[in-house]
Amino acid sequence: MKKENQQPNLLKTNIESDKDLGTDNIKTTNINILLNRVKLDRKKEFKKRIIFLLILTMVISLTAISLII
């Protein structure tokens, strides 16, 4: 005969359910993807700087040429 006030073992059930939830919520990121993204960003930034410098030198040289003539 069971006692009416008897409670199930809550410690075991909570730990087991937390383990299942914990493994589902873990997200992993591949470090190689992040490093490749950084490399691509550096290349884009370098290209932008070179284009800016070329345009700047062209504007300065055209201004200088127009002032000389």
PDB file of N, CA and C in Angstrom:
ATOM      1  N   MET A   1       0.831  -1.160   0.000  1.00  0.00           N
ATOM      2  CA  MET A   1       0.000   0.000   0.000  1.00  0.00           C
ATOM      3  C   MET A   1       0.895   1.250   0.000  1.00  0.00           C
ATOM      4  N   LYS A   2       0.619   2.225  -0.911  1.00  0.00           N
ATOM      5  CA  LYS A   2       1.401   3.455  -1.003  1.00  0.00           C
ATOM      6  C   LYS A   2       0.844   4.483  -0.051  1.00  0.00           C
ATOM      7  N   LYS A   3       1.783   5.288   0.430  1.00  0.00           N
ATOM      8  CA  LYS A   3       1.355   6.404   1.261  1.00  0.00           C
ATOM      9  C   LYS A   3       0.929   7.544   0.356  1.00  0.00           C
ATOM     10  N   GLU A   4      -0.069   8.266   0.743  1.00  0.00           N
ATOM     11  CA  GLU A   4      -0.586   9.354  -0.080  1.00  0.00           C
ATOM     12  C   GLU A   4       0.339  10.561  -0.120  1.00  0.00           C
ATOM     13  N   ASN A   5       1.108  10.801   0.895  1.00  0.00           N
ATOM     14  CA  ASN A   5       1.979  11.961   0.951  1.00  0.00           C
ATOM     15  C   ASN A   5       3.385  11.661   0.401  1.00  0.00           C
ATOM     16  N   GLN A   6       3.583  10.535  -0.187  1.00  0.00           N
ATOM     17  CA  GLN A   6       4.898  10.160  -0.708  1.00  0.00           C
ATOM     18  C   GLN A   6       5.158  10.916  -2.016  1.00  0.00           C
ATOM     19  N   GLN A   7       6.335  11.565  -2.111  1.00  0.00           N
ATOM     20  CA  GLN A   7       6.686  12.354  -3.290  1.00  0.00           C
ATOM     21  C   GLN A   7       7.724  11.607  -4.122  1.00  0.00           C
ATOM     22  N   PRO A   8       7.689  11.783  -5.437  1.00  0.00           N
ATOM     23  CA  PRO A   8       8.715  11.151  -6.266  1.00  0.00           C
ATOM     24  C   PRO A   8      10.054  11.851  -6.026  1.00  0.00           C
ATOM     25  N   ASN A   9      11.115  11.172  -6.383  1.00  0.00           N
ATOM     26  CA  ASN A   9      12.442  11.723  -6.184  1.00  0.00           C
ATOM     27  C   ASN A   9      12.668  12.835  -7.215  1.00  0.00           C
ATOM     28  N   LEU A  10      12.538  14.074  -6.813  1.00  0.00           N
ATOM     29  CA  LEU A  10      12.633  15.218  -7.713  1.00  0.00           C
ATOM     30  C   LEU A  10      14.066  15.515  -8.126  1.00  0.00           C
ATOM     31  N   LEU A  11      15.030  15.160  -7.327  1.00  0.00           N
ATOM     32  CA  LEU A  11      16.421  15.452  -7.665  1.00  0.00           C
ATOM     33  C   LEU A  11      16.858  14.720  -8.934  1.00  0.00           C
ATOM     34  N   LYS A  12      16.533  13.463  -9.032  1.00  0.00           N
ATOM     35  CA  LYS A  12      16.939  12.694 -10.215  1.00  0.00           C
ATOM     36  C   LYS A  12      16.232  13.184 -11.474  1.00  0.00           C
ATOM     37  N   THR A  13      14.964  13.476 -11.388  1.00  0.00           N
ATOM     38  CA  THR A  13      14.225  13.901 -12.573  1.00  0.00           C
ATOM     39  C   THR A  13      14.695  15.269 -13.055  1.00  0.00           C
ATOM     40  N   ASN A  14      15.018  16.186 -12.151  1.00  0.00           N
ATOM     41  CA  ASN A  14      15.479  17.512 -12.553  1.00  0.00           C
ATOM     42  C   ASN A  14      16.839  17.450 -13.230  1.00  0.00           C
ATOM     43  N   ILE A  15      17.731  16.640 -12.715  1.00  0.00           N
ATOM     44  CA  ILE A  15      19.068  16.534 -13.296  1.00  0.00           C
ATOM     45  C   ILE A  15      18.995  15.914 -14.685  1.00  0.00           C
ATOM     46  N   GLU A  16      18.222  14.882 -14.844  1.00  0.00           N
ATOM     47  CA  GLU A  16      18.105  14.226 -16.143  1.00  0.00           C
ATOM     48  C   GLU A  16      17.459  15.135 -17.175  1.00  0.00           C
ATOM     49  N   SER A  17      16.450  15.872 -16.794  1.00  0.00           N
ATOM     50  CA  SER A  17      15.800  16.772 -17.748  1.00  0.00           C
ATOM     51  C   SER A  17      16.710  17.946 -18.094  1.00  0.00           C
ATOM     52  N   ASP A  18      17.516  18.440 -17.154  1.00  0.00           N
ATOM     53  CA  ASP A  18      18.450  19.530 -17.431  1.00  0.00           C
ATOM     54  C   ASP A  18      19.542  19.089 -18.392  1.00  0.00           C
ATOM     55  N   LYS A  19      19.977  17.859 -18.285  1.00  0.00           N
ATOM     56  CA  LYS A  19      21.006  17.360 -19.201  1.00  0.00           C
ATOM     57  C   LYS A  19      20.484  17.345 -20.629  1.00  0.00           C
ATOM     58  N   ASP A  20      19.269  16.912 -20.812  1.00  0.00           N
ATOM     59  CA  ASP A  20      18.693  16.857 -22.156  1.00  0.00           C
ATOM     60  C   ASP A  20      18.530  18.261 -22.735  1.00  0.00           C
ATOM     61  N   LEU A  21      18.092  19.211 -21.941  1.00  0.00           N
ATOM     62  CA  LEU A  21      17.900  20.568 -22.414  1.00  0.00           C
ATOM     63  C   LEU A  21      19.239  21.242 -22.704  1.00  0.00           C
ATOM     64  N   GLY A  22      20.246  20.944 -21.905  1.00  0.00           N
ATOM     65  CA  GLY A  22      21.551  21.562 -22.078  1.00  0.00           C
ATOM     66  C   GLY A  22      22.216  21.166 -23.382  1.00  0.00           C
ATOM     67  N   THR A  23      22.079  19.921 -23.793  1.00  0.00           N
ATOM     68  CA  THR A  23      22.719  19.487 -25.028  1.00  0.00           C
ATOM     69  C   THR A  23      22.009  20.040 -26.248  1.00  0.00           C
ATOM     70  N   ASP A  24      20.727  20.318 -26.149  1.00  0.00           N
ATOM     71  CA  ASP A  24      19.989  20.867 -27.286  1.00  0.00           C
ATOM     72  C   ASP A  24      20.318  22.342 -27.524  1.00  0.00           C
ATOM     73  N   ASN A  25      20.649  23.072 -26.473  1.00  0.00           N
ATOM     74  CA  ASN A  25      20.861  24.512 -26.588  1.00  0.00           C
ATOM     75  C   ASN A  25      22.294  24.894 -26.959  1.00  0.00           C
ATOM     76  N   ILE A  26      23.227  23.956 -26.968  1.00  0.00           N
ATOM     77  CA  ILE A  26      24.621  24.271 -27.266  1.00  0.00           C
ATOM     78  C   ILE A  26      24.771  24.521 -28.760  1.00  0.00           C
ATOM     79  N   LYS A  27      25.378  25.666 -29.102  1.00  0.00           N
ATOM     80  CA  LYS A  27      25.653  25.988 -30.493  1.00  0.00           C
ATOM     81  C   LYS A  27      27.160  26.063 -30.666  1.00  0.00           C
ATOM     82  N   THR A  28      27.657  25.461 -31.706  1.00  0.00           N
ATOM     83  CA  THR A  28      29.090  25.506 -31.967  1.00  0.00           C
ATOM     84  C   THR A  28      29.342  26.311 -33.218  1.00  0.00           C
ATOM     85  N   THR A  29      30.517  26.933 -33.267  1.00  0.00           N
ATOM     86  CA  THR A  29      30.916  27.728 -34.415  1.00  0.00           C
ATOM     87  C   THR A  29      32.270  27.242 -34.881  1.00  0.00           C
ATOM     88  N   ASN A  30      32.381  27.056 -36.166  1.00  0.00           N
ATOM     89  CA  ASN A  30      33.639  26.613 -36.719  1.00  0.00           C
ATOM     90  C   ASN A  30      34.591  27.797 -36.769  1.00  0.00           C
ATOM     91  N   ILE A  31      35.770  27.657 -36.144  1.00  0.00           N
ATOM     92  CA  ILE A  31      36.730  28.753 -36.063  1.00  0.00           C
ATOM     93  C   ILE A  31      37.292  29.090 -37.433  1.00  0.00           C
ATOM     94  N   ASN A  32      37.373  28.121 -38.329  1.00  0.00           N
ATOM     95  CA  ASN A  32      37.897  28.388 -39.676  1.00  0.00           C
ATOM     96  C   ASN A  32      36.983  29.329 -40.447  1.00  0.00           C
ATOM     97  N   ILE A  33      35.695  29.216 -40.258  1.00  0.00           N
ATOM     98  CA  ILE A  33      34.750  30.117 -40.925  1.00  0.00           C
ATOM     99  C   ILE A  33      34.975  31.540 -40.443  1.00  0.00           C
ATOM    100  N   LEU A  34      35.178  31.702 -39.141  1.00  0.00           N
ATOM    101  CA  LEU A  34      35.411  33.035 -38.593  1.00  0.00           C
ATOM    102  C   LEU A  34      36.720  33.620 -39.104  1.00  0.00           C
ATOM    103  N   LEU A  35      37.769  32.813 -39.163  1.00  0.00           N
ATOM    104  CA  LEU A  35      39.059  33.300 -39.647  1.00  0.00           C
ATOM    105  C   LEU A  35      38.993  33.667 -41.124  1.00  0.00           C
ATOM    106  N   ASN A  36      38.284  32.891 -41.902  1.00  0.00           N
ATOM    107  CA  ASN A  36      38.138  33.219 -43.322  1.00  0.00           C
ATOM    108  C   ASN A  36      37.375  34.525 -43.505  1.00  0.00           C
ATOM    109  N   ARG A  37      36.391  34.752 -42.684  1.00  0.00           N
ATOM    110  CA  ARG A  37      35.623  35.991 -42.761  1.00  0.00           C
ATOM    111  C   ARG A  37      36.519  37.187 -42.447  1.00  0.00           C
ATOM    112  N   VAL A  38      37.403  37.043 -41.458  1.00  0.00           N
ATOM    113  CA  VAL A  38      38.327  38.126 -41.113  1.00  0.00           C
ATOM    114  C   VAL A  38      39.274  38.398 -42.270  1.00  0.00           C
ATOM    115  N   LYS A  39      39.782  37.336 -42.905  1.00  0.00           N
ATOM    116  CA  LYS A  39      40.681  37.514 -44.042  1.00  0.00           C
ATOM    117  C   LYS A  39      39.986  38.229 -45.195  1.00  0.00           C
ATOM    118  N   LEU A  40      38.746  37.846 -45.472  1.00  0.00           N
ATOM    119  CA  LEU A  40      38.002  38.494 -46.547  1.00  0.00           C
ATOM    120  C   LEU A  40      37.734  39.960 -46.228  1.00  0.00           C
ATOM    121  N   ASP A  41      37.434  40.253 -44.976  1.00  0.00           N
ATOM    122  CA  ASP A  41      37.197  41.639 -44.580  1.00  0.00           C
ATOM    123  C   ASP A  41      38.463  42.473 -44.738  1.00  0.00           C
ATOM    124  N   ARG A  42      39.607  41.896 -44.406  1.00  0.00           N
ATOM    125  CA  ARG A  42      40.874  42.617 -44.563  1.00  0.00           C
ATOM    126  C   ARG A  42      41.166  42.892 -46.027  1.00  0.00           C
ATOM    127  N   LYS A  43      40.899  41.919 -46.888  1.00  0.00           N
ATOM    128  CA  LYS A  43      41.126  42.113 -48.321  1.00  0.00           C
ATOM    129  C   LYS A  43      40.230  43.216 -48.868  1.00  0.00           C
ATOM    130  N   LYS A  44      38.960  43.212 -48.464  1.00  0.00           N
ATOM    131  CA  LYS A  44      38.033  44.254 -48.924  1.00  0.00           C
ATOM    132  C   LYS A  44      38.493  45.626 -48.460  1.00  0.00           C
ATOM    133  N   GLU A  45      38.921  45.722 -47.210  1.00  0.00           N
ATOM    134  CA  GLU A  45      39.372  46.999 -46.664  1.00  0.00           C
ATOM    135  C   GLU A  45      40.625  47.479 -47.393  1.00  0.00           C
ATOM    136  N   PHE A  46      41.524  46.573 -47.712  1.00  0.00           N
ATOM    137  CA  PHE A  46      42.746  46.932 -48.434  1.00  0.00           C
ATOM    138  C   PHE A  46      42.415  47.446 -49.834  1.00  0.00           C
ATOM    139  N   LYS A  47      41.495  46.779 -50.509  1.00  0.00           N
ATOM    140  CA  LYS A  47      41.090  47.226 -51.845  1.00  0.00           C
ATOM    141  C   LYS A  47      40.450  48.602 -51.798  1.00  0.00           C
ATOM    142  N   LYS A  48      39.625  48.853 -50.806  1.00  0.00           N
ATOM    143  CA  LYS A  48      38.986  50.162 -50.656  1.00  0.00           C
ATOM    144  C   LYS A  48      40.027  51.250 -50.447  1.00  0.00           C
ATOM    145  N   ARG A  49      41.047  50.967 -49.630  1.00  0.00           N
ATOM    146  CA  ARG A  49      42.091  51.964 -49.375  1.00  0.00           C
ATOM    147  C   ARG A  49      42.894  52.257 -50.634  1.00  0.00           C
ATOM    148  N   ILE A  50      43.202  51.236 -51.410  1.00  0.00           N
ATOM    149  CA  ILE A  50      43.970  51.447 -52.642  1.00  0.00           C
ATOM    150  C   ILE A  50      43.162  52.269 -53.636  1.00  0.00           C
ATOM    151  N   ILE A  51      41.901  51.962 -53.795  1.00  0.00           N
ATOM    152  CA  ILE A  51      41.048  52.720 -54.719  1.00  0.00           C
ATOM    153  C   ILE A  51      40.935  54.173 -54.261  1.00  0.00           C
ATOM    154  N   PHE A  52      40.768  54.382 -52.957  1.00  0.00           N
ATOM    155  CA  PHE A  52      40.685  55.740 -52.431  1.00  0.00           C
ATOM    156  C   PHE A  52      41.977  56.508 -52.700  1.00  0.00           C
ATOM    157  N   LEU A  53      43.133  55.873 -52.466  1.00  0.00           N
ATOM    158  CA  LEU A  53      44.404  56.542 -52.701  1.00  0.00           C
ATOM    159  C   LEU A  53      44.614  56.851 -54.180  1.00  0.00           C
ATOM    160  N   LEU A  54      44.215  55.951 -55.056  1.00  0.00           N
ATOM    161  CA  LEU A  54      44.343  56.214 -56.489  1.00  0.00           C
ATOM    162  C   LEU A  54      43.476  57.395 -56.918  1.00  0.00           C
ATOM    163  N   ILE A  55      42.260  57.426 -56.447  1.00  0.00           N
ATOM    164  CA  ILE A  55      41.367  58.541 -56.788  1.00  0.00           C
ATOM    165  C   ILE A  55      41.920  59.849 -56.228  1.00  0.00           C
ATOM    166  N   LEU A  56      42.431  59.808 -55.009  1.00  0.00           N
ATOM    167  CA  LEU A  56      42.987  61.005 -54.392  1.00  0.00           C
ATOM    168  C   LEU A  56      44.199  61.523 -55.163  1.00  0.00           C
ATOM    169  N   THR A  57      45.096  60.629 -55.569  1.00  0.00           N
ATOM    170  CA  THR A  57      46.271  61.064 -56.340  1.00  0.00           C
ATOM    171  C   THR A  57      45.869  61.595 -57.703  1.00  0.00           C
ATOM    172  N   MET A  58      44.854  61.003 -58.314  1.00  0.00           N
ATOM    173  CA  MET A  58      44.390  61.507 -59.615  1.00  0.00           C
ATOM    174  C   MET A  58      43.810  62.914 -59.466  1.00  0.00           C
ATOM    175  N   VAL A  59      43.033  63.139 -58.440  1.00  0.00           N
ATOM    176  CA  VAL A  59      42.436  64.457 -58.234  1.00  0.00           C
ATOM    177  C   VAL A  59      43.524  65.489 -57.967  1.00  0.00           C
ATOM    178  N   ILE A  60      44.486  65.141 -57.134  1.00  0.00           N
ATOM    179  CA  ILE A  60      45.568  66.077 -56.826  1.00  0.00           C
ATOM    180  C   ILE A  60      46.403  66.368 -58.066  1.00  0.00           C
ATOM    181  N   SER A  61      46.728  65.322 -58.836  1.00  0.00           N
ATOM    182  CA  SER A  61      47.546  65.539 -60.035  1.00  0.00           C
ATOM    183  C   SER A  61      46.783  66.348 -61.094  1.00  0.00           C
ATOM    184  N   LEU A  62      45.489  66.081 -61.270  1.00  0.00           N
ATOM    185  CA  LEU A  62      44.710  66.870 -62.226  1.00  0.00           C
ATOM    186  C   LEU A  62      44.587  68.329 -61.793  1.00  0.00           C
ATOM    187  N   THR A  63      44.447  68.545 -60.488  1.00  0.00           N
ATOM    188  CA  THR A  63      44.392  69.910 -59.974  1.00  0.00           C
ATOM    189  C   THR A  63      45.727  70.623 -60.207  1.00  0.00           C
ATOM    190  N   ALA A  64      46.822  69.930 -59.950  1.00  0.00           N
ATOM    191  CA  ALA A  64      48.141  70.522 -60.142  1.00  0.00           C
ATOM    192  C   ALA A  64      48.375  70.841 -61.618  1.00  0.00           C
ATOM    193  N   ILE A  65      47.997  69.933 -62.501  1.00  0.00           N
ATOM    194  CA  ILE A  65      48.182  70.151 -63.933  1.00  0.00           C
ATOM    195  C   ILE A  65      47.344  71.332 -64.423  1.00  0.00           C
ATOM    196  N   SER A  66      46.113  71.422 -63.943  1.00  0.00           N
ATOM    197  CA  SER A  66      45.246  72.515 -64.367  1.00  0.00           C
ATOM    198  C   SER A  66      45.760  73.877 -63.848  1.00  0.00           C
ATOM    199  N   LEU A  67      46.378  73.898 -62.688  1.00  0.00           N
ATOM    200  CA  LEU A  67      46.931  75.135 -62.140  1.00  0.00           C
ATOM    201  C   LEU A  67      48.199  75.555 -62.891  1.00  0.00           C
ATOM    202  N   ILE A  68      48.976  74.598 -63.360  1.00  0.00           N
ATOM    203  CA  ILE A  68      50.190  74.903 -64.096  1.00  0.00           C
ATOM    204  C   ILE A  68      49.838  75.483 -65.467  1.00  0.00           C
ATOM    205  N   ILE A  69      48.852  74.959 -66.110  1.00  0.00           N
ATOM    206  CA  ILE A  69      48.461  75.428 -67.464  1.00  0.00           C
ATOM    207  C   ILE A  69      47.673  76.660 -67.322  1.00  0.00           C
TER     208      ILE A  69
END
